[in-house]
Amino acid sequence: MRSIAMLHPTDGIPLPPDTMSALVLTAGTASTLDVPTGATHVRLVGQSTGGAQLPFFVNFASTAAVVPGASFGATTGTSSMSQGVIGTITQRLLGGITALGVVAQTSGIVTAEWWKMGG
């Protein structure tokens, strides 16, 4: 574990990641991204098969990520917690999270950089 004092989850993390992983996405199909043991922060970067930024949705509370449709509204369960991302997001993880759900409307790759920070 590395301590870098106070770190706001959206600040640039000044250290190389402890672990990296990648997830190949098929259009409209949700995939699961396993969280490494002890990880406290993650940066997700989406890239399309053509090399451009990939808009995608991530659910930090469960593996039930969904792409909102025209009739999207409040739904039951944790699938309603999918967060839209255009390109990159850096997030501090809640304790107890073991996997994230990721989905995109088009095919691409989401790369995850994981950090273990604190105590």
Protein backbone atom coordinates (compact mmCIF):
# COMPACT_ATOMS: atom_id res chain seq x y z
CA MET A 1 0.00 0.00 0.00
CA ARG A 2 1.18 3.49 -0.84
CA SER A 3 0.07 6.61 0.92
CA ILE A 4 0.04 9.91 -0.93
CA ALA A 5 -1.76 11.97 1.73
CA MET A 6 -5.09 13.46 0.69
CA LEU A 7 -6.18 12.48 -2.79
CA HIS A 8 -9.36 13.68 -4.39
CA PRO A 9 -10.73 10.92 -6.64
CA THR A 10 -10.74 13.16 -9.71
CA ASP A 11 -7.17 14.45 -9.28
CA GLY A 12 -4.46 13.06 -11.50
CA ILE A 13 -2.82 10.19 -9.65
CA PRO A 14 0.93 10.90 -9.69
CA LEU A 15 2.02 7.27 -9.40
CA PRO A 16 2.04 4.43 -11.93
CA PRO A 17 -0.80 1.94 -11.38
CA ASP A 18 -0.32 -1.20 -9.32
CA THR A 19 -2.29 -3.31 -11.80
CA MET A 20 -3.68 -2.88 -15.31
CA SER A 21 -6.35 -4.84 -17.14
CA ALA A 22 -8.32 -4.51 -20.36
CA LEU A 23 -11.81 -5.47 -21.39
CA VAL A 24 -12.88 -5.95 -25.02
CA LEU A 25 -16.49 -4.82 -25.43
CA THR A 26 -19.00 -6.04 -27.98
CA ALA A 27 -21.65 -3.47 -28.90
CA GLY A 28 -24.56 -3.49 -26.47
CA THR A 29 -23.31 -6.45 -24.41
CA ALA A 30 -22.49 -5.85 -20.75
CA SER A 31 -19.16 -7.23 -19.51
CA THR A 32 -17.69 -7.69 -16.06
CA LEU A 33 -14.43 -6.12 -14.93
CA ASP A 34 -13.00 -7.81 -11.82
CA VAL A 35 -11.55 -5.51 -9.16
CA PRO A 36 -8.09 -6.58 -7.92
CA THR A 37 -7.93 -7.33 -4.20
CA GLY A 38 -7.19 -4.20 -2.19
CA ALA A 39 -7.73 -1.74 -5.06
CA THR A 40 -8.97 1.65 -3.86
CA HIS A 41 -8.88 3.75 -7.06
CA VAL A 42 -9.46 3.04 -10.75
CA ARG A 43 -9.03 4.95 -13.99
CA LEU A 44 -11.10 3.64 -16.90
CA VAL A 45 -10.19 4.66 -20.45
CA GLY A 46 -12.43 3.78 -23.38
CA GLN A 47 -11.08 3.49 -26.91
CA SER A 48 -13.04 2.56 -30.02
CA THR A 49 -11.78 0.02 -32.53
CA GLY A 50 -10.89 3.01 -34.73
CA GLY A 51 -8.71 4.57 -32.02
CA ALA A 52 -11.13 7.35 -30.96
CA GLN A 53 -12.61 7.98 -27.51
CA LEU A 54 -15.23 5.37 -26.67
CA PRO A 55 -18.38 6.53 -24.89
CA PHE A 56 -19.35 3.79 -22.42
CA PHE A 57 -21.38 3.17 -19.29
CA VAL A 58 -20.01 1.81 -16.02
CA ASN A 59 -21.78 0.59 -12.90
CA PHE A 60 -19.56 0.99 -9.84
CA ALA A 61 -22.13 -0.73 -7.60
CA SER A 62 -22.62 -4.02 -9.47
CA THR A 63 -22.04 -5.87 -12.73
CA ALA A 64 -25.47 -4.83 -14.07
CA ALA A 65 -24.43 -2.04 -16.45
CA VAL A 66 -26.98 -0.99 -19.06
CA VAL A 67 -27.07 1.32 -22.07
CA PRO A 68 -29.95 3.76 -21.53
CA GLY A 69 -32.58 3.66 -24.27
CA ALA A 70 -35.19 6.14 -25.45
CA SER A 71 -37.53 4.99 -22.67
CA PHE A 72 -34.82 5.11 -19.99
CA GLY A 73 -36.04 6.16 -16.58
CA ALA A 74 -35.93 5.11 -12.98
CA THR A 75 -35.64 1.35 -12.72
CA THR A 76 -35.41 -1.06 -9.85
CA GLY A 77 -32.19 -2.74 -8.87
CA THR A 78 -28.65 -1.59 -9.37
CA SER A 79 -28.76 -1.43 -13.18
CA SER A 80 -30.17 2.10 -12.84
CA MET A 81 -26.80 3.22 -11.48
CA SER A 82 -24.93 3.03 -14.78
CA GLN A 83 -22.82 6.16 -15.22
CA GLY A 84 -22.09 7.55 -18.67
CA VAL A 85 -18.41 8.14 -19.51
CA ILE A 86 -16.92 9.81 -22.57
CA GLY A 87 -13.32 8.64 -22.84
CA THR A 88 -11.94 8.59 -19.27
CA ILE A 89 -13.06 8.47 -15.65
CA THR A 90 -11.02 8.27 -12.43
CA GLN A 91 -12.92 7.03 -9.39
CA ARG A 92 -12.31 6.07 -5.79
CA LEU A 93 -13.90 2.68 -5.14
CA LEU A 94 -16.29 1.92 -2.33
CA GLY A 95 -15.22 -0.82 0.06
CA GLY A 96 -16.40 -4.33 -0.73
CA ILE A 97 -16.66 -3.85 -4.51
CA THR A 98 -15.38 -6.98 -6.29
CA ALA A 99 -16.50 -6.31 -9.88
CA LEU A 100 -17.79 -3.53 -12.13
CA GLY A 101 -20.24 -3.71 -15.01
CA VAL A 102 -19.20 -2.02 -18.27
CA VAL A 103 -21.16 -1.67 -21.52
CA ALA A 104 -20.97 0.45 -24.69
CA GLN A 105 -23.23 1.03 -27.67
CA THR A 106 -20.35 0.27 -30.04
CA SER A 107 -17.41 -2.12 -29.90
CA GLY A 108 -14.16 -1.07 -28.28
CA ILE A 109 -11.70 -1.57 -25.45
CA VAL A 110 -11.84 -0.29 -21.88
CA THR A 111 -8.49 -0.24 -20.10
CA ALA A 112 -8.47 -0.18 -16.30
CA GLU A 113 -5.59 1.13 -14.19
CA TRP A 114 -5.85 0.09 -10.53
CA TRP A 115 -4.21 1.64 -7.46
CA LYS A 116 -3.95 0.43 -3.86
CA MET A 117 -3.61 3.50 -1.65
CA GLY A 118 -3.99 4.37 1.96
CA GLY A 119 -3.51 2.69 5.34
